[in-house]
């Protein structure tokens, strides 16, 4: 960790909420509907592009000062 920032390295985790990927391609419509009804501010499932944008930011110069964090990539979903 002490060498990370002087060398421009960071280490973060993106914690995903439900994401509509090929994994769900064969799910019945009612399963997808149930997933999309989970409580989130976005009111929809994430797409792979939604998650990719988080990773692009973290890998960019703009994300250089974020290190050792868990980023909640879940559209504001609240789990009880």
PDB file of N, CA and C in Angstrom:
ATOM      1  N   UNK A   1       0.826  -1.191   0.000  1.00  0.00           N
ATOM      2  CA  UNK A   1       0.000   0.000   0.000  1.00  0.00           C
ATOM      3  C   UNK A   1       0.872   1.258   0.000  1.00  0.00           C
ATOM      4  N   UNK A   2       1.993   1.214   0.724  1.00  0.00           N
ATOM      5  CA  UNK A   2       2.840   2.411   0.811  1.00  0.00           C
ATOM      6  C   UNK A   2       3.491   2.762  -0.523  1.00  0.00           C
ATOM      7  N   UNK A   3       3.596   1.817  -1.430  1.00  0.00           N
ATOM      8  CA  UNK A   3       4.182   2.099  -2.741  1.00  0.00           C
ATOM      9  C   UNK A   3       3.142   2.453  -3.790  1.00  0.00           C
ATOM     10  N   UNK A   4       1.890   2.248  -3.469  1.00  0.00           N
ATOM     11  CA  UNK A   4       0.829   2.389  -4.479  1.00  0.00           C
ATOM     12  C   UNK A   4       0.756   3.792  -5.068  1.00  0.00           C
ATOM     13  N   UNK A   5       0.505   4.791  -4.228  1.00  0.00           N
ATOM     14  CA  UNK A   5       0.287   6.141  -4.758  1.00  0.00           C
ATOM     15  C   UNK A   5       1.544   6.744  -5.391  1.00  0.00           C
ATOM     16  N   UNK A   6       2.750   6.557  -4.830  1.00  0.00           N
ATOM     17  CA  UNK A   6       3.919   7.119  -5.522  1.00  0.00           C
ATOM     18  C   UNK A   6       4.115   6.560  -6.933  1.00  0.00           C
ATOM     19  N   UNK A   7       3.625   5.359  -7.185  1.00  0.00           N
ATOM     20  CA  UNK A   7       3.769   4.742  -8.503  1.00  0.00           C
ATOM     21  C   UNK A   7       2.491   4.823  -9.328  1.00  0.00           C
ATOM     22  N   UNK A   8       1.489   5.525  -8.837  1.00  0.00           N
ATOM     23  CA  UNK A   8       0.247   5.703  -9.578  1.00  0.00           C
ATOM     24  C   UNK A   8      -0.661   4.489  -9.575  1.00  0.00           C
ATOM     25  N   UNK A   9      -0.457   3.588  -8.623  1.00  0.00           N
ATOM     26  CA  UNK A   9      -1.294   2.398  -8.540  1.00  0.00           C
ATOM     27  C   UNK A   9      -2.378   2.590  -7.491  1.00  0.00           C
ATOM     28  N   UNK A  10      -3.561   2.134  -7.799  1.00  0.00           N
ATOM     29  CA  UNK A  10      -4.650   2.140  -6.818  1.00  0.00           C
ATOM     30  C   UNK A  10      -5.304   0.766  -6.819  1.00  0.00           C
ATOM     31  N   UNK A  11      -5.986   0.476  -5.740  1.00  0.00           N
ATOM     32  CA  UNK A  11      -6.666  -0.814  -5.617  1.00  0.00           C
ATOM     33  C   UNK A  11      -8.034  -0.572  -4.989  1.00  0.00           C
ATOM     34  N   UNK A  12      -9.070  -0.813  -5.756  1.00  0.00           N
ATOM     35  CA  UNK A  12     -10.433  -0.589  -5.302  1.00  0.00           C
ATOM     36  C   UNK A  12     -11.308  -1.766  -5.693  1.00  0.00           C
ATOM     37  N   UNK A  13     -12.494  -1.827  -5.098  1.00  0.00           N
ATOM     38  CA  UNK A  13     -13.463  -2.866  -5.393  1.00  0.00           C
ATOM     39  C   UNK A  13     -14.760  -2.197  -5.821  1.00  0.00           C
ATOM     40  N   UNK A  14     -15.395  -2.723  -6.854  1.00  0.00           N
ATOM     41  CA  UNK A  14     -16.730  -2.267  -7.242  1.00  0.00           C
ATOM     42  C   UNK A  14     -17.708  -3.359  -6.800  1.00  0.00           C
ATOM     43  N   UNK A  15     -18.555  -3.026  -5.828  1.00  0.00           N
ATOM     44  CA  UNK A  15     -19.558  -3.964  -5.312  1.00  0.00           C
ATOM     45  C   UNK A  15     -20.836  -3.771  -6.120  1.00  0.00           C
ATOM     46  N   UNK A  16     -21.174  -4.776  -6.915  1.00  0.00           N
ATOM     47  CA  UNK A  16     -22.304  -4.660  -7.835  1.00  0.00           C
ATOM     48  C   UNK A  16     -23.628  -5.013  -7.185  1.00  0.00           C
ATOM     49  N   UNK A  17     -24.662  -4.361  -7.643  1.00  0.00           N
ATOM     50  CA  UNK A  17     -26.019  -4.788  -7.375  1.00  0.00           C
ATOM     51  C   UNK A  17     -26.441  -5.671  -8.540  1.00  0.00           C
ATOM     52  N   UNK A  18     -27.724  -6.007  -8.627  1.00  0.00           N
ATOM     53  CA  UNK A  18     -28.193  -6.832  -9.743  1.00  0.00           C
ATOM     54  C   UNK A  18     -27.876  -6.171 -11.090  1.00  0.00           C
ATOM     55  N   UNK A  19     -27.243  -6.939 -11.956  1.00  0.00           N
ATOM     56  CA  UNK A  19     -26.795  -6.434 -13.252  1.00  0.00           C
ATOM     57  C   UNK A  19     -27.311  -7.350 -14.355  1.00  0.00           C
ATOM     58  N   UNK A  20     -27.926  -6.753 -15.358  1.00  0.00           N
ATOM     59  CA  UNK A  20     -28.517  -7.500 -16.463  1.00  0.00           C
ATOM     60  C   UNK A  20     -27.418  -7.919 -17.438  1.00  0.00           C
ATOM     61  N   UNK A  21     -26.944  -9.149 -17.279  1.00  0.00           N
ATOM     62  CA  UNK A  21     -25.895  -9.697 -18.134  1.00  0.00           C
ATOM     63  C   UNK A  21     -26.429 -10.938 -18.841  1.00  0.00           C
ATOM     64  N   UNK A  22     -25.576 -11.575 -19.617  1.00  0.00           N
ATOM     65  CA  UNK A  22     -25.961 -12.811 -20.297  1.00  0.00           C
ATOM     66  C   UNK A  22     -26.339 -13.904 -19.303  1.00  0.00           C
ATOM     67  N   UNK A  23     -25.868 -13.778 -18.066  1.00  0.00           N
ATOM     68  CA  UNK A  23     -26.224 -14.739 -17.024  1.00  0.00           C
ATOM     69  C   UNK A  23     -27.749 -14.839 -16.878  1.00  0.00           C
ATOM     70  N   UNK A  24     -28.441 -13.708 -17.089  1.00  0.00           N
ATOM     71  CA  UNK A  24     -29.894 -13.657 -16.941  1.00  0.00           C
ATOM     72  C   UNK A  24     -30.644 -13.887 -18.256  1.00  0.00           C
ATOM     73  N   UNK A  25     -29.935 -14.212 -19.327  1.00  0.00           N
ATOM     74  CA  UNK A  25     -30.552 -14.326 -20.650  1.00  0.00           C
ATOM     75  C   UNK A  25     -31.686 -15.342 -20.700  1.00  0.00           C
ATOM     76  N   UNK A  26     -31.626 -16.370 -19.887  1.00  0.00           N
ATOM     77  CA  UNK A  26     -32.645 -17.418 -19.935  1.00  0.00           C
ATOM     78  C   UNK A  26     -33.596 -17.370 -18.738  1.00  0.00           C
ATOM     79  N   UNK A  27     -33.495 -16.316 -17.949  1.00  0.00           N
ATOM     80  CA  UNK A  27     -34.428 -16.167 -16.819  1.00  0.00           C
ATOM     81  C   UNK A  27     -35.826 -15.881 -17.336  1.00  0.00           C
ATOM     82  N   UNK A  28     -36.828 -16.442 -16.684  1.00  0.00           N
ATOM     83  CA  UNK A  28     -38.205 -16.092 -17.063  1.00  0.00           C
ATOM     84  C   UNK A  28     -38.472 -14.610 -16.794  1.00  0.00           C
ATOM     85  N   UNK A  29     -39.373 -14.004 -17.551  1.00  0.00           N
ATOM     86  CA  UNK A  29     -39.669 -12.577 -17.373  1.00  0.00           C
ATOM     87  C   UNK A  29     -40.025 -12.203 -15.933  1.00  0.00           C
ATOM     88  N   UNK A  30     -40.726 -13.110 -15.222  1.00  0.00           N
ATOM     89  CA  UNK A  30     -41.120 -12.768 -13.847  1.00  0.00           C
ATOM     90  C   UNK A  30     -39.907 -12.649 -12.921  1.00  0.00           C
ATOM     91  N   UNK A  31     -38.841 -13.374 -13.192  1.00  0.00           N
ATOM     92  CA  UNK A  31     -37.621 -13.253 -12.380  1.00  0.00           C
ATOM     93  C   UNK A  31     -36.967 -11.900 -12.631  1.00  0.00           C
ATOM     94  N   UNK A  32     -36.888 -11.496 -13.894  1.00  0.00           N
ATOM     95  CA  UNK A  32     -36.325 -10.185 -14.212  1.00  0.00           C
ATOM     96  C   UNK A  32     -37.172  -9.073 -13.624  1.00  0.00           C
ATOM     97  N   UNK A  33     -38.471  -9.235 -13.660  1.00  0.00           N
ATOM     98  CA  UNK A  33     -39.372  -8.238 -13.072  1.00  0.00           C
ATOM     99  C   UNK A  33     -39.132  -8.134 -11.569  1.00  0.00           C
ATOM    100  N   UNK A  34     -38.989  -9.277 -10.911  1.00  0.00           N
ATOM    101  CA  UNK A  34     -38.751  -9.279  -9.468  1.00  0.00           C
ATOM    102  C   UNK A  34     -37.423  -8.595  -9.134  1.00  0.00           C
ATOM    103  N   UNK A  35     -36.386  -8.879  -9.915  1.00  0.00           N
ATOM    104  CA  UNK A  35     -35.093  -8.232  -9.693  1.00  0.00           C
ATOM    105  C   UNK A  35     -35.184  -6.719  -9.884  1.00  0.00           C
ATOM    106  N   UNK A  36     -35.922  -6.289 -10.906  1.00  0.00           N
ATOM    107  CA  UNK A  36     -36.023  -4.852 -11.182  1.00  0.00           C
ATOM    108  C   UNK A  36     -36.863  -4.126 -10.140  1.00  0.00           C
ATOM    109  N   UNK A  37     -37.626  -4.845  -9.342  1.00  0.00           N
ATOM    110  CA  UNK A  37     -38.450  -4.228  -8.302  1.00  0.00           C
ATOM    111  C   UNK A  37     -37.722  -4.101  -6.963  1.00  0.00           C
ATOM    112  N   UNK A  38     -36.491  -4.593  -6.882  1.00  0.00           N
ATOM    113  CA  UNK A  38     -35.727  -4.417  -5.646  1.00  0.00           C
ATOM    114  C   UNK A  38     -35.565  -2.925  -5.386  1.00  0.00           C
ATOM    115  N   UNK A  39     -35.545  -2.514  -4.126  1.00  0.00           N
ATOM    116  CA  UNK A  39     -35.528  -1.077  -3.813  1.00  0.00           C
ATOM    117  C   UNK A  39     -34.223  -0.396  -4.225  1.00  0.00           C
ATOM    118  N   UNK A  40     -34.295   0.419  -5.258  1.00  0.00           N
ATOM    119  CA  UNK A  40     -33.126   1.201  -5.674  1.00  0.00           C
ATOM    120  C   UNK A  40     -33.580   2.546  -6.202  1.00  0.00           C
ATOM    121  N   UNK A  41     -32.700   3.515  -6.091  1.00  0.00           N
ATOM    122  CA  UNK A  41     -33.001   4.855  -6.593  1.00  0.00           C
ATOM    123  C   UNK A  41     -33.121   4.853  -8.112  1.00  0.00           C
ATOM    124  N   UNK A  42     -32.378   3.978  -8.787  1.00  0.00           N
ATOM    125  CA  UNK A  42     -32.377   3.933 -10.253  1.00  0.00           C
ATOM    126  C   UNK A  42     -33.634   3.284 -10.817  1.00  0.00           C
ATOM    127  N   UNK A  43     -34.320   2.444 -10.037  1.00  0.00           N
ATOM    128  CA  UNK A  43     -35.553   1.768 -10.466  1.00  0.00           C
ATOM    129  C   UNK A  43     -35.358   0.872 -11.685  1.00  0.00           C
ATOM    130  N   UNK A  44     -34.153   0.296 -11.808  1.00  0.00           N
ATOM    131  CA  UNK A  44     -33.878  -0.631 -12.901  1.00  0.00           C
ATOM    132  C   UNK A  44     -32.638  -1.432 -12.546  1.00  0.00           C
ATOM    133  N   UNK A  45     -32.413  -2.491 -13.311  1.00  0.00           N
ATOM    134  CA  UNK A  45     -31.186  -3.257 -13.163  1.00  0.00           C
ATOM    135  C   UNK A  45     -30.044  -2.509 -13.842  1.00  0.00           C
ATOM    136  N   UNK A  46     -28.841  -2.732 -13.358  1.00  0.00           N
ATOM    137  CA  UNK A  46     -27.667  -2.155 -14.008  1.00  0.00           C
ATOM    138  C   UNK A  46     -27.427  -2.861 -15.333  1.00  0.00           C
ATOM    139  N   UNK A  47     -26.737  -2.181 -16.216  1.00  0.00           N
ATOM    140  CA  UNK A  47     -26.262  -2.789 -17.454  1.00  0.00           C
ATOM    141  C   UNK A  47     -24.741  -2.939 -17.337  1.00  0.00           C
ATOM    142  N   UNK A  48     -24.142  -3.798 -18.145  1.00  0.00           N
ATOM    143  CA  UNK A  48     -22.683  -3.880 -18.121  1.00  0.00           C
ATOM    144  C   UNK A  48     -22.021  -2.522 -18.375  1.00  0.00           C
ATOM    145  N   UNK A  49     -22.629  -1.689 -19.222  1.00  0.00           N
ATOM    146  CA  UNK A  49     -22.071  -0.365 -19.481  1.00  0.00           C
ATOM    147  C   UNK A  49     -22.093   0.510 -18.232  1.00  0.00           C
ATOM    148  N   UNK A  50     -23.147   0.402 -17.414  1.00  0.00           N
ATOM    149  CA  UNK A  50     -23.188   1.170 -16.160  1.00  0.00           C
ATOM    150  C   UNK A  50     -21.968   0.846 -15.306  1.00  0.00           C
ATOM    151  N   UNK A  51     -21.652  -0.433 -15.200  1.00  0.00           N
ATOM    152  CA  UNK A  51     -20.536  -0.868 -14.370  1.00  0.00           C
ATOM    153  C   UNK A  51     -19.214  -0.477 -15.020  1.00  0.00           C
ATOM    154  N   UNK A  52     -19.133  -0.606 -16.333  1.00  0.00           N
ATOM    155  CA  UNK A  52     -17.909  -0.234 -17.047  1.00  0.00           C
ATOM    156  C   UNK A  52     -17.561   1.228 -16.828  1.00  0.00           C
ATOM    157  N   UNK A  53     -18.564   2.091 -16.765  1.00  0.00           N
ATOM    158  CA  UNK A  53     -18.304   3.517 -16.552  1.00  0.00           C
ATOM    159  C   UNK A  53     -17.667   3.789 -15.187  1.00  0.00           C
ATOM    160  N   UNK A  54     -18.054   3.014 -14.185  1.00  0.00           N
ATOM    161  CA  UNK A  54     -17.436   3.147 -12.857  1.00  0.00           C
ATOM    162  C   UNK A  54     -15.963   2.749 -12.943  1.00  0.00           C
ATOM    163  N   UNK A  55     -15.692   1.630 -13.606  1.00  0.00           N
ATOM    164  CA  UNK A  55     -14.322   1.139 -13.729  1.00  0.00           C
ATOM    165  C   UNK A  55     -13.476   2.120 -14.542  1.00  0.00           C
ATOM    166  N   UNK A  56     -14.030   2.666 -15.621  1.00  0.00           N
ATOM    167  CA  UNK A  56     -13.306   3.652 -16.434  1.00  0.00           C
ATOM    168  C   UNK A  56     -12.936   4.855 -15.579  1.00  0.00           C
ATOM    169  N   UNK A  57     -13.869   5.326 -14.762  1.00  0.00           N
ATOM    170  CA  UNK A  57     -13.566   6.461 -13.888  1.00  0.00           C
ATOM    171  C   UNK A  57     -12.438   6.117 -12.927  1.00  0.00           C
ATOM    172  N   UNK A  58     -12.532   4.964 -12.268  1.00  0.00           N
ATOM    173  CA  UNK A  58     -11.498   4.585 -11.310  1.00  0.00           C
ATOM    174  C   UNK A  58     -10.126   4.439 -11.969  1.00  0.00           C
ATOM    175  N   UNK A  59     -10.092   4.014 -13.225  1.00  0.00           N
ATOM    176  CA  UNK A  59      -8.827   3.840 -13.935  1.00  0.00           C
ATOM    177  C   UNK A  59      -8.309   5.136 -14.551  1.00  0.00           C
ATOM    178  N   UNK A  60      -9.137   6.177 -14.534  1.00  0.00           N
ATOM    179  CA  UNK A  60      -8.751   7.442 -15.158  1.00  0.00           C
ATOM    180  C   UNK A  60      -7.960   8.323 -14.189  1.00  0.00           C
ATOM    181  N   UNK A  61      -7.408   9.374 -14.736  1.00  0.00           N
ATOM    182  CA  UNK A  61      -6.693  10.361 -13.923  1.00  0.00           C
ATOM    183  C   UNK A  61      -7.619  10.974 -12.870  1.00  0.00           C
ATOM    184  N   UNK A  62      -8.904  11.115 -13.192  1.00  0.00           N
ATOM    185  CA  UNK A  62      -9.862  11.688 -12.238  1.00  0.00           C
ATOM    186  C   UNK A  62     -10.038  10.818 -10.995  1.00  0.00           C
ATOM    187  N   UNK A  63      -9.804   9.518 -11.114  1.00  0.00           N
ATOM    188  CA  UNK A  63      -9.961   8.611  -9.981  1.00  0.00           C
ATOM    189  C   UNK A  63      -8.664   8.307  -9.254  1.00  0.00           C
ATOM    190  N   UNK A  64      -7.615   9.073  -9.533  1.00  0.00           N
ATOM    191  CA  UNK A  64      -6.287   8.762  -9.006  1.00  0.00           C
ATOM    192  C   UNK A  64      -6.174   8.813  -7.492  1.00  0.00           C
ATOM    193  N   UNK A  65      -7.037   9.540  -6.817  1.00  0.00           N
ATOM    194  CA  UNK A  65      -6.925   9.704  -5.376  1.00  0.00           C
ATOM    195  C   UNK A  65      -7.840   8.753  -4.609  1.00  0.00           C
ATOM    196  N   UNK A  66      -8.569   7.921  -5.309  1.00  0.00           N
ATOM    197  CA  UNK A  66      -9.426   6.922  -4.666  1.00  0.00           C
ATOM    198  C   UNK A  66      -8.611   5.638  -4.572  1.00  0.00           C
ATOM    199  N   UNK A  67      -8.395   5.181  -3.357  1.00  0.00           N
ATOM    200  CA  UNK A  67      -7.545   4.012  -3.159  1.00  0.00           C
ATOM    201  C   UNK A  67      -8.003   3.246  -1.926  1.00  0.00           C
ATOM    202  N   UNK A  68      -8.129   1.938  -2.073  1.00  0.00           N
ATOM    203  CA  UNK A  68      -8.506   1.093  -0.948  1.00  0.00           C
ATOM    204  C   UNK A  68      -9.975   1.189  -0.573  1.00  0.00           C
ATOM    205  N   UNK A  69     -10.815   1.549  -1.528  1.00  0.00           N
ATOM    206  CA  UNK A  69     -12.241   1.740  -1.253  1.00  0.00           C
ATOM    207  C   UNK A  69     -13.100   0.666  -1.903  1.00  0.00           C
ATOM    208  N   UNK A  70     -14.287   0.501  -1.351  1.00  0.00           N
ATOM    209  CA  UNK A  70     -15.319  -0.326  -1.955  1.00  0.00           C
ATOM    210  C   UNK A  70     -16.363   0.638  -2.516  1.00  0.00           C
ATOM    211  N   UNK A  71     -16.499   0.669  -3.815  1.00  0.00           N
ATOM    212  CA  UNK A  71     -17.451   1.550  -4.491  1.00  0.00           C
ATOM    213  C   UNK A  71     -18.743   0.762  -4.696  1.00  0.00           C
ATOM    214  N   UNK A  72     -19.840   1.287  -4.196  1.00  0.00           N
ATOM    215  CA  UNK A  72     -21.143   0.633  -4.332  1.00  0.00           C
ATOM    216  C   UNK A  72     -21.727   0.972  -5.700  1.00  0.00           C
ATOM    217  N   UNK A  73     -21.603   0.050  -6.635  1.00  0.00           N
ATOM    218  CA  UNK A  73     -22.164   0.232  -7.983  1.00  0.00           C
ATOM    219  C   UNK A  73     -23.506  -0.452  -8.066  1.00  0.00           C
ATOM    220  N   UNK A  74     -24.484   0.097  -7.332  1.00  0.00           N
ATOM    221  CA  UNK A  74     -25.764  -0.613  -7.201  1.00  0.00           C
ATOM    222  C   UNK A  74     -26.975   0.268  -7.462  1.00  0.00           C
ATOM    223  N   UNK A  75     -26.785   1.442  -8.057  1.00  0.00           N
ATOM    224  CA  UNK A  75     -27.918   2.301  -8.383  1.00  0.00           C
ATOM    225  C   UNK A  75     -28.668   2.822  -7.167  1.00  0.00           C
ATOM    226  N   UNK A  76     -28.002   2.869  -6.026  1.00  0.00           N
ATOM    227  CA  UNK A  76     -28.654   3.348  -4.802  1.00  0.00           C
ATOM    228  C   UNK A  76     -29.469   2.284  -4.097  1.00  0.00           C
ATOM    229  N   UNK A  77     -29.222   1.026  -4.427  1.00  0.00           N
ATOM    230  CA  UNK A  77     -29.995  -0.056  -3.809  1.00  0.00           C
ATOM    231  C   UNK A  77     -29.667  -0.148  -2.320  1.00  0.00           C
ATOM    232  N   UNK A  78     -30.715  -0.334  -1.539  1.00  0.00           N
ATOM    233  CA  UNK A  78     -30.568  -0.491  -0.097  1.00  0.00           C
ATOM    234  C   UNK A  78     -30.925  -1.908   0.289  1.00  0.00           C
ATOM    235  N   UNK A  79     -30.003  -2.605   0.907  1.00  0.00           N
ATOM    236  CA  UNK A  79     -30.243  -3.956   1.377  1.00  0.00           C
ATOM    237  C   UNK A  79     -30.524  -3.930   2.861  1.00  0.00           C
ATOM    238  N   UNK A  80     -31.524  -4.663   3.291  1.00  0.00           N
ATOM    239  CA  UNK A  80     -31.845  -4.694   4.726  1.00  0.00           C
ATOM    240  C   UNK A  80     -31.112  -5.810   5.399  1.00  0.00           C
TER     241      UNK A  80
END
